[in-house]
Amino acid sequence: MNAPTTRPFAASDIDAAAGLLADRHRRDLAREAALDPGFTDPAACADLLRTAWEQGARGAVAEAADGALTGHLLAVPGDDSRGRHVWTGPGHYAARDEDVLRRLYAELSGQWLAEGRLHHYAVAAAGDLPVWLSQCFGYEQVHALADLPADAGRLHDDVRAAGPSDLDALEPLFRLVADAHAGPPVFAFIEPSFYDDLRPGHLELLEDPAVSYWLSEGPDGVRGFCVMRPVPDDEASPTKPRGSVELLLAATVPESRGSGVGRRLTEHAFADAARLGFRVCVTDWRAANPRSSVFWPHRGFRPVAHRLHRVLDPRLLQG
C-alpha cells in the first residue's frame, strides 16, 4: 500500500477534514457517552475548523492515492509565557490511523523547529494517547467530566453561596491553586502579574449572576470554595459538551484538608447544578498535582482528554 502524501492544509479542506473529525468523535462518544453528540455532525466540526482557521491555525493534510483525505493536523502558533510554541486543540486533528497522524506530526514538527517553536502542545482525546505519547509528548493537564446526580444530590449546612461582600474573607485562599502549581512536583511557571489579577478576577466571578460561587465556613473563617459556571456555547468542543457546567476553581485551606470540606463543597455544588438542570460537569487539573489527581477522580470525574507537552532541545537552534 502506498503511503499517503502530505501537503499544507487549505481552507478548501475544511469540509473533508470535518468528516474525519466527526468520525473520530463517534469513536470517542462510544468510549464516553457523556460527550457532546453534536460533534458527530460534520457541519458542527466544520464550524470548529473554520473558527480555528480564522484564528490562525495552520497545518497539513494527508491524502490517499485517490485524493481522499486520510488525516489533518492543525496548530495555532503563539509567543507568550509558554515561549515560542504551537497549540493543537481538541478539534484540530483527526486521522484514519495512527501512522497517518505520526506522519503529519513528522512533517510539521520540522517546520515548527525551523520557526524556533520548541514547545509543542496538544489536547489529545483519551483514545489517541498512545500515538501522541509515542512522539515523546508528556502529560500536563487532565480534562475530565462527571455525571451529576439525577436526584439533585446532597446539600450541606456548612456551605453557602458567596457574594461580593465575602471578597476580603476569601482573599487568603486566592493563591492556593497557583501556589500548588508553582511548587513541587508540578513546577509550573506563574507570571507575577497573575497574582495581581486574582482579586479583581474573583470579584468578577462573585458579581456574575450566572456563576455559582460556594464557600465553606468554620469557626476560624473560610475553609474552602468551589466555583461553577455554565459552559458558554462558543466554548463547546469535542471534550467540553454544550450545555454542561464547569467546575472552574476550587481550593481548601491546608489545615482543613482531609476533613471532608472539599468533598462537601463539591457535593453541594453538584446538587445545586443538578437542581438547575445540568447533567454533566467538566473540569481540568494538572496531571502532576498529587492532590488533584486523587481528589477529582474520587468525585466521579473521568478523563476524556489530556493536554500534552513536548519540549525540543534548545541546542537544536544553535549554529
C-alpha atoms as a PDB file:
ATOM      1  CA  MET A   1       0.000   0.000   0.000  1.00  0.00           C
ATOM      2  CA  ASN A   2       1.338   3.413  -0.936  1.00  0.00           C
ATOM      3  CA  ALA A   3       1.987   5.809   1.931  1.00  0.00           C
ATOM      4  CA  PRO A   4      -0.244   8.897   1.913  1.00  0.00           C
ATOM      5  CA  THR A   5       1.223  12.122   0.654  1.00  0.00           C
ATOM      6  CA  THR A   6       1.132  15.301   2.702  1.00  0.00           C
ATOM      7  CA  ARG A   7       0.603  18.927   1.745  1.00  0.00           C
ATOM      8  CA  PRO A   8      -0.339  22.167   3.525  1.00  0.00           C
ATOM      9  CA  PHE A   9      -3.876  22.417   4.884  1.00  0.00           C
ATOM     10  CA  ALA A  10      -6.041  24.838   2.850  1.00  0.00           C
ATOM     11  CA  ALA A  11      -9.361  26.459   3.678  1.00  0.00           C
ATOM     12  CA  SER A  12     -10.905  24.303   0.959  1.00  0.00           C
ATOM     13  CA  ASP A  13     -10.023  21.191   3.045  1.00  0.00           C
ATOM     14  CA  ILE A  14     -12.335  22.152   5.912  1.00  0.00           C
ATOM     15  CA  ASP A  15     -15.352  20.084   4.846  1.00  0.00           C
ATOM     16  CA  ALA A  16     -13.361  16.914   4.187  1.00  0.00           C
ATOM     17  CA  ALA A  17     -11.406  17.357   7.427  1.00  0.00           C
ATOM     18  CA  ALA A  18     -14.683  17.877   9.284  1.00  0.00           C
ATOM     19  CA  GLY A  19     -15.826  14.437   8.174  1.00  0.00           C
ATOM     20  CA  LEU A  20     -12.681  12.910   9.653  1.00  0.00           C
ATOM     21  CA  LEU A  21     -13.188  14.816  12.896  1.00  0.00           C
ATOM     22  CA  ALA A  22     -16.822  13.694  13.131  1.00  0.00           C
ATOM     23  CA  ASP A  23     -15.702  10.080  12.667  1.00  0.00           C
ATOM     24  CA  ARG A  24     -13.119  10.497  15.436  1.00  0.00           C
ATOM     25  CA  HIS A  25     -15.767  11.906  17.747  1.00  0.00           C
ATOM     26  CA  ARG A  26     -18.079   8.945  17.067  1.00  0.00           C
ATOM     27  CA  ARG A  27     -15.273   6.703  18.308  1.00  0.00           C
ATOM     28  CA  ASP A  28     -14.767   8.899  21.380  1.00  0.00           C
ATOM     29  CA  LEU A  29     -18.509   9.022  22.067  1.00  0.00           C
ATOM     30  CA  ALA A  30     -18.597   5.222  22.033  1.00  0.00           C
ATOM     31  CA  ARG A  31     -15.977   5.308  24.802  1.00  0.00           C
ATOM     32  CA  GLU A  32     -17.643   8.101  26.808  1.00  0.00           C
ATOM     33  CA  ALA A  33     -21.394   8.609  26.402  1.00  0.00           C
ATOM     34  CA  ALA A  34     -21.411  11.968  28.257  1.00  0.00           C
ATOM     35  CA  LEU A  35     -19.519  13.728  25.471  1.00  0.00           C
ATOM     36  CA  ASP A  36     -21.447  16.076  23.173  1.00  0.00           C
ATOM     37  CA  PRO A  37     -23.153  14.033  20.419  1.00  0.00           C
ATOM     38  CA  GLY A  38     -23.450  17.213  18.349  1.00  0.00           C
ATOM     39  CA  PHE A  39     -19.863  16.819  17.166  1.00  0.00           C
ATOM     40  CA  THR A  40     -20.711  13.644  15.287  1.00  0.00           C
ATOM     41  CA  ASP A  41     -22.247  16.066  12.765  1.00  0.00           C
ATOM     42  CA  PRO A  42     -19.667  17.113  10.164  1.00  0.00           C
ATOM     43  CA  ALA A  43     -21.303  20.552   9.953  1.00  0.00           C
ATOM     44  CA  ALA A  44     -20.556  21.199  13.643  1.00  0.00           C
ATOM     45  CA  CYS A  45     -16.970  20.026  13.129  1.00  0.00           C
ATOM     46  CA  ALA A  46     -16.649  22.270  10.085  1.00  0.00           C
ATOM     47  CA  ASP A  47     -17.631  25.233  12.266  1.00  0.00           C
ATOM     48  CA  LEU A  48     -14.850  24.305  14.704  1.00  0.00           C
ATOM     49  CA  LEU A  49     -12.270  24.012  11.945  1.00  0.00           C
ATOM     50  CA  ARG A  50     -13.407  27.227  10.282  1.00  0.00           C
ATOM     51  CA  THR A  51     -13.045  29.100  13.560  1.00  0.00           C
ATOM     52  CA  ALA A  52      -9.607  27.562  14.083  1.00  0.00           C
ATOM     53  CA  TRP A  53      -8.549  28.634  10.590  1.00  0.00           C
ATOM     54  CA  GLU A  54      -9.774  32.176  11.215  1.00  0.00           C
ATOM     55  CA  GLN A  55      -7.792  32.231  14.484  1.00  0.00           C
ATOM     56  CA  GLY A  56      -4.574  31.382  12.661  1.00  0.00           C
ATOM     57  CA  ALA A  57      -4.434  27.588  12.890  1.00  0.00           C
ATOM     58  CA  ARG A  58      -2.333  26.136  10.085  1.00  0.00           C
ATOM     59  CA  GLY A  59      -1.031  22.665   9.357  1.00  0.00           C
ATOM     60  CA  ALA A  60      -1.088  19.800   6.915  1.00  0.00           C
ATOM     61  CA  VAL A  61      -3.301  17.104   5.441  1.00  0.00           C
ATOM     62  CA  ALA A  62      -2.558  13.559   4.332  1.00  0.00           C
ATOM     63  CA  GLU A  63      -4.062  12.296   1.094  1.00  0.00           C
ATOM     64  CA  ALA A  64      -4.530   8.794  -0.269  1.00  0.00           C
ATOM     65  CA  ALA A  65      -3.649   7.960  -3.851  1.00  0.00           C
ATOM     66  CA  ASP A  66      -7.205   8.742  -4.943  1.00  0.00           C
ATOM     67  CA  GLY A  67      -7.018  12.215  -3.379  1.00  0.00           C
ATOM     68  CA  ALA A  68      -9.215  11.408  -0.371  1.00  0.00           C
ATOM     69  CA  LEU A  69      -8.128  12.997   2.907  1.00  0.00           C
ATOM     70  CA  THR A  70      -6.878  10.465   5.443  1.00  0.00           C
ATOM     71  CA  GLY A  71      -5.856  12.921   8.147  1.00  0.00           C
ATOM     72  CA  HIS A  72      -5.236  16.504   9.141  1.00  0.00           C
ATOM     73  CA  LEU A  73      -3.259  18.254  11.865  1.00  0.00           C
ATOM     74  CA  LEU A  74      -3.516  21.950  12.700  1.00  0.00           C
ATOM     75  CA  ALA A  75      -1.819  24.117  15.318  1.00  0.00           C
ATOM     76  CA  VAL A  76      -2.032  27.754  16.364  1.00  0.00           C
ATOM     77  CA  PRO A  77       1.378  29.448  16.770  1.00  0.00           C
ATOM     78  CA  GLY A  78       1.959  31.564  19.862  1.00  0.00           C
ATOM     79  CA  ASP A  79       4.594  33.692  21.576  1.00  0.00           C
ATOM     80  CA  ASP A  80       3.836  34.328  25.237  1.00  0.00           C
ATOM     81  CA  SER A  81       4.640  32.974  28.696  1.00  0.00           C
ATOM     82  CA  ARG A  82       4.677  29.468  27.185  1.00  0.00           C
ATOM     83  CA  GLY A  83       7.558  30.522  24.940  1.00  0.00           C
ATOM     84  CA  ARG A  84       7.502  30.180  21.168  1.00  0.00           C
ATOM     85  CA  HIS A  85       5.044  27.373  20.779  1.00  0.00           C
ATOM     86  CA  VAL A  86       2.292  25.731  18.765  1.00  0.00           C
ATOM     87  CA  TRP A  87      -1.059  24.650  20.191  1.00  0.00           C
ATOM     88  CA  THR A  88      -3.162  21.808  18.799  1.00  0.00           C
ATOM     89  CA  GLY A  89      -6.649  21.909  20.293  1.00  0.00           C
ATOM     90  CA  PRO A  90      -9.143  19.026  20.639  1.00  0.00           C
ATOM     91  CA  GLY A  91     -10.808  19.903  17.320  1.00  0.00           C
ATOM     92  CA  HIS A  92      -7.592  20.458  15.378  1.00  0.00           C
ATOM     93  CA  TYR A  93      -6.711  16.928  14.317  1.00  0.00           C
ATOM     94  CA  ALA A  94      -8.098  13.611  13.117  1.00  0.00           C
ATOM     95  CA  ALA A  95      -6.648  10.704  11.173  1.00  0.00           C
ATOM     96  CA  ARG A  96      -7.750   7.374   9.776  1.00  0.00           C
ATOM     97  CA  ASP A  97      -4.967   5.605  11.664  1.00  0.00           C
ATOM     98  CA  GLU A  98      -2.044   6.301  13.971  1.00  0.00           C
ATOM     99  CA  ASP A  99       0.583   6.131  11.237  1.00  0.00           C
ATOM    100  CA  VAL A 100      -1.102   8.997   9.376  1.00  0.00           C
ATOM    101  CA  LEU A 101      -1.059  11.183  12.487  1.00  0.00           C
ATOM    102  CA  ARG A 102       2.603  10.334  13.109  1.00  0.00           C
ATOM    103  CA  ARG A 103       3.426  11.243   9.523  1.00  0.00           C
ATOM    104  CA  LEU A 104       1.641  14.585   9.832  1.00  0.00           C
ATOM    105  CA  TYR A 105       3.459  15.418  13.061  1.00  0.00           C
ATOM    106  CA  ALA A 106       6.792  14.474  11.499  1.00  0.00           C
ATOM    107  CA  GLU A 107       6.021  16.781   8.573  1.00  0.00           C
ATOM    108  CA  LEU A 108       5.015  19.754  10.719  1.00  0.00           C
ATOM    109  CA  SER A 109       7.392  19.451  13.658  1.00  0.00           C
ATOM    110  CA  GLY A 110      10.389  20.196  11.462  1.00  0.00           C
ATOM    111  CA  GLN A 111       8.695  23.349  10.209  1.00  0.00           C
ATOM    112  CA  TRP A 112       7.922  24.402  13.779  1.00  0.00           C
ATOM    113  CA  LEU A 113      11.532  23.873  14.807  1.00  0.00           C
ATOM    114  CA  ALA A 114      12.693  25.972  11.848  1.00  0.00           C
ATOM    115  CA  GLU A 115      10.479  28.779  13.213  1.00  0.00           C
ATOM    116  CA  GLY A 116      12.107  28.416  16.636  1.00  0.00           C
ATOM    117  CA  ARG A 117       8.971  26.886  18.171  1.00  0.00           C
ATOM    118  CA  LEU A 118      10.390  24.439  20.696  1.00  0.00           C
ATOM    119  CA  HIS A 119       7.223  23.948  22.754  1.00  0.00           C
ATOM    120  CA  HIS A 120       4.555  21.728  21.190  1.00  0.00           C
ATOM    121  CA  TYR A 121       1.184  21.401  22.939  1.00  0.00           C
ATOM    122  CA  ALA A 122      -1.656  19.063  22.013  1.00  0.00           C
ATOM    123  CA  VAL A 123      -5.031  18.449  23.662  1.00  0.00           C
ATOM    124  CA  ALA A 124      -5.388  14.775  22.781  1.00  0.00           C
ATOM    125  CA  ALA A 125      -8.548  12.722  23.102  1.00  0.00           C
ATOM    126  CA  ALA A 126      -8.118   9.831  25.520  1.00  0.00           C
ATOM    127  CA  GLY A 127      -8.319   7.306  22.685  1.00  0.00           C
ATOM    128  CA  ASP A 128      -5.376   8.938  20.899  1.00  0.00           C
ATOM    129  CA  LEU A 129      -2.911   8.996  23.794  1.00  0.00           C
ATOM    130  CA  PRO A 130      -0.688   6.151  22.514  1.00  0.00           C
ATOM    131  CA  VAL A 131       0.185   7.896  19.255  1.00  0.00           C
ATOM    132  CA  TRP A 132       0.944  11.246  20.914  1.00  0.00           C
ATOM    133  CA  LEU A 133       2.981   9.650  23.686  1.00  0.00           C
ATOM    134  CA  SER A 134       4.948   7.734  21.055  1.00  0.00           C
ATOM    135  CA  GLN A 135       6.070  11.114  19.707  1.00  0.00           C
ATOM    136  CA  CYS A 136       7.701  11.955  23.072  1.00  0.00           C
ATOM    137  CA  PHE A 137       4.890  14.153  24.423  1.00  0.00           C
ATOM    138  CA  GLY A 138       4.271  14.123  28.166  1.00  0.00           C
ATOM    139  CA  TYR A 139       1.191  14.645  30.332  1.00  0.00           C
ATOM    140  CA  GLU A 140       0.479  18.172  31.556  1.00  0.00           C
ATOM    141  CA  GLN A 141      -3.270  18.651  32.145  1.00  0.00           C
ATOM    142  CA  VAL A 142      -6.199  16.270  32.609  1.00  0.00           C
ATOM    143  CA  HIS A 143      -9.573  17.204  31.086  1.00  0.00           C
ATOM    144  CA  ALA A 144     -12.422  15.251  32.637  1.00  0.00           C
ATOM    145  CA  LEU A 145     -16.177  15.122  33.127  1.00  0.00           C
ATOM    146  CA  ALA A 146     -18.565  13.739  35.720  1.00  0.00           C
ATOM    147  CA  ASP A 147     -22.241  12.845  35.735  1.00  0.00           C
ATOM    148  CA  LEU A 148     -24.322  14.999  38.068  1.00  0.00           C
ATOM    149  CA  PRO A 149     -26.777  13.295  40.435  1.00  0.00           C
ATOM    150  CA  ALA A 150     -30.200  12.750  38.881  1.00  0.00           C
ATOM    151  CA  ASP A 151     -31.844  13.182  42.305  1.00  0.00           C
ATOM    152  CA  ALA A 152     -30.262  16.639  42.801  1.00  0.00           C
ATOM    153  CA  GLY A 153     -27.767  15.224  45.309  1.00  0.00           C
ATOM    154  CA  ARG A 154     -26.876  16.400  48.781  1.00  0.00           C
ATOM    155  CA  LEU A 155     -26.717  19.911  50.253  1.00  0.00           C
ATOM    156  CA  HIS A 156     -24.606  20.763  53.330  1.00  0.00           C
ATOM    157  CA  ASP A 157     -25.221  23.231  56.141  1.00  0.00           C
ATOM    158  CA  ASP A 158     -21.620  24.441  56.279  1.00  0.00           C
ATOM    159  CA  VAL A 159     -21.708  25.534  52.602  1.00  0.00           C
ATOM    160  CA  ARG A 160     -23.347  28.741  51.425  1.00  0.00           C
ATOM    161  CA  ALA A 161     -23.417  30.993  48.390  1.00  0.00           C
ATOM    162  CA  ALA A 162     -20.728  33.689  48.412  1.00  0.00           C
ATOM    163  CA  GLY A 163     -21.186  37.266  47.253  1.00  0.00           C
ATOM    164  CA  PRO A 164     -19.037  40.355  46.680  1.00  0.00           C
ATOM    165  CA  SER A 165     -19.134  41.153  50.402  1.00  0.00           C
ATOM    166  CA  ASP A 166     -17.136  37.928  51.032  1.00  0.00           C
ATOM    167  CA  LEU A 167     -14.190  39.077  48.902  1.00  0.00           C
ATOM    168  CA  ASP A 168     -11.936  40.013  51.828  1.00  0.00           C
ATOM    169  CA  ALA A 169     -12.669  36.790  53.711  1.00  0.00           C
ATOM    170  CA  LEU A 170     -11.943  34.717  50.606  1.00  0.00           C
ATOM    171  CA  GLU A 171      -8.784  36.538  49.577  1.00  0.00           C
ATOM    172  CA  PRO A 172      -6.337  34.475  51.698  1.00  0.00           C
ATOM    173  CA  LEU A 173      -7.384  31.435  49.607  1.00  0.00           C
ATOM    174  CA  PHE A 174      -6.928  33.001  46.174  1.00  0.00           C
ATOM    175  CA  ARG A 175      -3.254  31.955  45.812  1.00  0.00           C
ATOM    176  CA  LEU A 176      -3.724  28.349  46.879  1.00  0.00           C
ATOM    177  CA  VAL A 177      -4.193  26.826  43.416  1.00  0.00           C
ATOM    178  CA  ALA A 178      -1.396  28.822  41.775  1.00  0.00           C
ATOM    179  CA  ASP A 179       0.987  28.158  44.664  1.00  0.00           C
ATOM    180  CA  ALA A 180       0.292  24.419  44.432  1.00  0.00           C
ATOM    181  CA  HIS A 181       1.144  24.539  40.729  1.00  0.00           C
ATOM    182  CA  ALA A 182       4.288  26.623  41.207  1.00  0.00           C
ATOM    183  CA  GLY A 183       5.748  24.210  43.760  1.00  0.00           C
ATOM    184  CA  PRO A 184       6.861  20.574  43.575  1.00  0.00           C
ATOM    185  CA  PRO A 185       6.158  18.345  41.778  1.00  0.00           C
ATOM    186  CA  VAL A 186       4.278  20.482  39.198  1.00  0.00           C
ATOM    187  CA  PHE A 187       6.778  23.367  38.867  1.00  0.00           C
ATOM    188  CA  ALA A 188       4.574  25.469  36.591  1.00  0.00           C
ATOM    189  CA  PHE A 189       5.840  28.963  35.865  1.00  0.00           C
ATOM    190  CA  ILE A 190       3.402  31.585  37.169  1.00  0.00           C
ATOM    191  CA  GLU A 191       3.698  35.110  35.813  1.00  0.00           C
ATOM    192  CA  PRO A 192       3.982  37.622  38.700  1.00  0.00           C
ATOM    193  CA  SER A 193       1.182  39.658  37.106  1.00  0.00           C
ATOM    194  CA  PHE A 194      -1.122  36.651  37.523  1.00  0.00           C
ATOM    195  CA  TYR A 195      -1.303  37.279  41.269  1.00  0.00           C
ATOM    196  CA  ASP A 196      -2.220  40.927  40.698  1.00  0.00           C
ATOM    197  CA  ASP A 197      -5.279  39.779  38.772  1.00  0.00           C
ATOM    198  CA  LEU A 198      -6.578  37.351  41.395  1.00  0.00           C
ATOM    199  CA  ARG A 199      -8.637  39.776  43.495  1.00  0.00           C
ATOM    200  CA  PRO A 200     -10.365  41.532  40.552  1.00  0.00           C
ATOM    201  CA  GLY A 201     -10.865  38.178  38.844  1.00  0.00           C
ATOM    202  CA  HIS A 202     -12.610  36.644  41.847  1.00  0.00           C
ATOM    203  CA  LEU A 203     -14.690  39.787  42.312  1.00  0.00           C
ATOM    204  CA  GLU A 204     -15.877  39.434  38.719  1.00  0.00           C
ATOM    205  CA  LEU A 205     -16.915  35.843  39.439  1.00  0.00           C
ATOM    206  CA  LEU A 206     -18.693  36.842  42.650  1.00  0.00           C
ATOM    207  CA  GLU A 207     -20.637  39.518  40.770  1.00  0.00           C
ATOM    208  CA  ASP A 208     -21.609  37.307  37.817  1.00  0.00           C
ATOM    209  CA  PRO A 209     -25.226  36.112  38.207  1.00  0.00           C
ATOM    210  CA  ALA A 210     -24.522  33.076  36.000  1.00  0.00           C
ATOM    211  CA  VAL A 211     -21.732  31.855  38.311  1.00  0.00           C
ATOM    212  CA  SER A 212     -22.363  29.786  41.438  1.00  0.00           C
ATOM    213  CA  TYR A 213     -19.620  30.614  43.948  1.00  0.00           C
ATOM    214  CA  TRP A 214     -19.786  28.417  47.067  1.00  0.00           C
ATOM    215  CA  LEU A 215     -17.787  28.739  50.285  1.00  0.00           C
ATOM    216  CA  SER A 216     -17.431  26.661  53.411  1.00  0.00           C
ATOM    217  CA  GLU A 217     -17.083  28.419  56.772  1.00  0.00           C
ATOM    218  CA  GLY A 218     -15.829  27.308  60.139  1.00  0.00           C
ATOM    219  CA  PRO A 219     -15.049  28.953  63.473  1.00  0.00           C
ATOM    220  CA  ASP A 220     -11.763  30.301  62.069  1.00  0.00           C
ATOM    221  CA  GLY A 221     -13.195  31.685  58.839  1.00  0.00           C
ATOM    222  CA  VAL A 222     -13.441  30.461  55.254  1.00  0.00           C
ATOM    223  CA  ARG A 223     -12.156  26.915  54.839  1.00  0.00           C
ATOM    224  CA  GLY A 224     -12.672  26.418  51.113  1.00  0.00           C
ATOM    225  CA  PHE A 225     -14.511  27.485  47.995  1.00  0.00           C
ATOM    226  CA  CYS A 226     -15.865  25.966  44.793  1.00  0.00           C
ATOM    227  CA  VAL A 227     -16.850  27.941  41.672  1.00  0.00           C
ATOM    228  CA  MET A 228     -19.228  26.657  38.992  1.00  0.00           C
ATOM    229  CA  ARG A 229     -20.285  28.309  35.737  1.00  0.00           C
ATOM    230  CA  PRO A 230     -22.290  27.194  32.684  1.00  0.00           C
ATOM    231  CA  VAL A 231     -20.124  26.370  29.667  1.00  0.00           C
ATOM    232  CA  PRO A 232     -20.763  29.094  27.057  1.00  0.00           C
ATOM    233  CA  ASP A 233     -21.906  27.762  23.689  1.00  0.00           C
ATOM    234  CA  ASP A 234     -18.843  29.231  21.998  1.00  0.00           C
ATOM    235  CA  GLU A 235     -16.583  27.145  24.281  1.00  0.00           C
ATOM    236  CA  ALA A 236     -18.265  23.828  23.472  1.00  0.00           C
ATOM    237  CA  SER A 237     -15.841  21.353  21.919  1.00  0.00           C
ATOM    238  CA  PRO A 238     -15.357  17.608  21.417  1.00  0.00           C
ATOM    239  CA  THR A 239     -14.098  17.447  25.024  1.00  0.00           C
ATOM    240  CA  LYS A 240     -16.444  20.024  26.618  1.00  0.00           C
ATOM    241  CA  PRO A 241     -20.135  19.260  25.955  1.00  0.00           C
ATOM    242  CA  ARG A 242     -22.552  22.024  25.066  1.00  0.00           C
ATOM    243  CA  GLY A 243     -24.981  22.624  27.926  1.00  0.00           C
ATOM    244  CA  SER A 244     -22.635  21.335  30.618  1.00  0.00           C
ATOM    245  CA  VAL A 245     -21.458  23.158  33.732  1.00  0.00           C
ATOM    246  CA  GLU A 246     -17.786  23.733  34.515  1.00  0.00           C
ATOM    247  CA  LEU A 247     -16.140  23.386  37.893  1.00  0.00           C
ATOM    248  CA  LEU A 248     -13.917  26.379  37.312  1.00  0.00           C
ATOM    249  CA  LEU A 249     -11.975  26.752  40.572  1.00  0.00           C
ATOM    250  CA  ALA A 250     -11.807  25.048  43.948  1.00  0.00           C
ATOM    251  CA  ALA A 251      -9.461  25.165  46.923  1.00  0.00           C
ATOM    252  CA  THR A 252      -9.346  24.170  50.581  1.00  0.00           C
ATOM    253  CA  VAL A 253      -7.069  25.720  53.202  1.00  0.00           C
ATOM    254  CA  PRO A 254      -4.233  23.350  54.206  1.00  0.00           C
ATOM    255  CA  GLU A 255      -5.402  22.917  57.781  1.00  0.00           C
ATOM    256  CA  SER A 256      -8.823  21.676  56.616  1.00  0.00           C
ATOM    257  CA  ARG A 257      -7.628  19.184  54.014  1.00  0.00           C
ATOM    258  CA  GLY A 258      -8.695  15.660  54.812  1.00  0.00           C
ATOM    259  CA  SER A 259     -11.599  16.888  56.945  1.00  0.00           C
ATOM    260  CA  GLY A 260     -14.273  16.495  54.259  1.00  0.00           C
ATOM    261  CA  VAL A 261     -14.570  20.204  53.423  1.00  0.00           C
ATOM    262  CA  GLY A 262     -13.661  19.719  49.760  1.00  0.00           C
ATOM    263  CA  ARG A 263     -15.996  16.750  49.413  1.00  0.00           C
ATOM    264  CA  ARG A 264     -18.929  18.626  50.941  1.00  0.00           C
ATOM    265  CA  LEU A 265     -18.285  21.686  48.771  1.00  0.00           C
ATOM    266  CA  THR A 266     -18.254  19.509  45.653  1.00  0.00           C
ATOM    267  CA  GLU A 267     -21.391  17.602  46.664  1.00  0.00           C
ATOM    268  CA  HIS A 268     -23.199  20.865  47.372  1.00  0.00           C
ATOM    269  CA  ALA A 269     -22.080  22.423  44.071  1.00  0.00           C
ATOM    270  CA  PHE A 270     -23.099  19.289  42.165  1.00  0.00           C
ATOM    271  CA  ALA A 271     -26.507  19.198  43.867  1.00  0.00           C
ATOM    272  CA  ASP A 272     -27.211  22.814  43.021  1.00  0.00           C
ATOM    273  CA  ALA A 273     -26.108  22.355  39.400  1.00  0.00           C
ATOM    274  CA  ALA A 274     -28.367  19.304  39.096  1.00  0.00           C
ATOM    275  CA  ARG A 275     -31.264  21.330  40.530  1.00  0.00           C
ATOM    276  CA  LEU A 276     -30.621  23.896  37.780  1.00  0.00           C
ATOM    277  CA  GLY A 277     -30.948  21.162  35.166  1.00  0.00           C
ATOM    278  CA  PHE A 278     -27.307  20.379  34.378  1.00  0.00           C
ATOM    279  CA  ARG A 279     -26.428  16.726  33.894  1.00  0.00           C
ATOM    280  CA  VAL A 280     -22.689  16.871  33.147  1.00  0.00           C
ATOM    281  CA  CYS A 281     -19.859  18.752  34.872  1.00  0.00           C
ATOM    282  CA  VAL A 282     -16.440  19.324  33.294  1.00  0.00           C
ATOM    283  CA  THR A 283     -13.166  20.331  34.915  1.00  0.00           C
ATOM    284  CA  ASP A 284      -9.413  20.004  34.463  1.00  0.00           C
ATOM    285  CA  TRP A 285      -6.342  19.747  36.659  1.00  0.00           C
ATOM    286  CA  ARG A 286      -2.575  19.464  36.452  1.00  0.00           C
ATOM    287  CA  ALA A 287      -1.562  15.837  35.952  1.00  0.00           C
ATOM    288  CA  ALA A 288       1.441  16.208  38.288  1.00  0.00           C
ATOM    289  CA  ASN A 289      -0.610  17.670  41.143  1.00  0.00           C
ATOM    290  CA  PRO A 290      -0.856  14.742  43.585  1.00  0.00           C
ATOM    291  CA  ARG A 291      -3.864  16.072  45.497  1.00  0.00           C
ATOM    292  CA  SER A 292      -5.936  16.925  42.428  1.00  0.00           C
ATOM    293  CA  SER A 293      -5.070  13.641  40.736  1.00  0.00           C
ATOM    294  CA  VAL A 294      -6.540  11.737  43.683  1.00  0.00           C
ATOM    295  CA  PHE A 295      -9.362  14.047  44.761  1.00  0.00           C
ATOM    296  CA  TRP A 296     -11.154  14.687  41.458  1.00  0.00           C
ATOM    297  CA  PRO A 297     -11.373  11.072  40.240  1.00  0.00           C
ATOM    298  CA  HIS A 298     -12.835  10.227  43.663  1.00  0.00           C
ATOM    299  CA  ARG A 299     -15.548  12.822  42.954  1.00  0.00           C
ATOM    300  CA  GLY A 300     -16.527  10.893  39.829  1.00  0.00           C
ATOM    301  CA  PHE A 301     -14.501  12.713  37.158  1.00  0.00           C
ATOM    302  CA  ARG A 302     -13.412  10.566  34.214  1.00  0.00           C
ATOM    303  CA  PRO A 303     -10.581  11.724  31.914  1.00  0.00           C
ATOM    304  CA  VAL A 304     -11.693  12.360  28.333  1.00  0.00           C
ATOM    305  CA  ALA A 305      -8.602  14.203  27.079  1.00  0.00           C
ATOM    306  CA  HIS A 306      -5.130  15.227  28.165  1.00  0.00           C
ATOM    307  CA  ARG A 307      -3.142  18.314  27.380  1.00  0.00           C
ATOM    308  CA  LEU A 308       0.278  17.083  26.385  1.00  0.00           C
ATOM    309  CA  HIS A 309       3.539  18.999  26.066  1.00  0.00           C
ATOM    310  CA  ARG A 310       6.782  18.308  24.251  1.00  0.00           C
ATOM    311  CA  VAL A 311       9.888  20.497  24.602  1.00  0.00           C
ATOM    312  CA  LEU A 312      12.607  20.274  21.977  1.00  0.00           C
ATOM    313  CA  ASP A 313      16.244  20.737  22.999  1.00  0.00           C
ATOM    314  CA  PRO A 314      17.161  24.435  22.527  1.00  0.00           C
ATOM    315  CA  ARG A 315      20.614  23.396  21.268  1.00  0.00           C
ATOM    316  CA  LEU A 316      18.859  22.399  18.050  1.00  0.00           C
ATOM    317  CA  LEU A 317      18.646  26.126  17.251  1.00  0.00           C
ATOM    318  CA  GLN A 318      22.375  26.731  17.642  1.00  0.00           C
ATOM    319  CA  GLY A 319      24.567  27.266  14.607  1.00  0.00           C
END
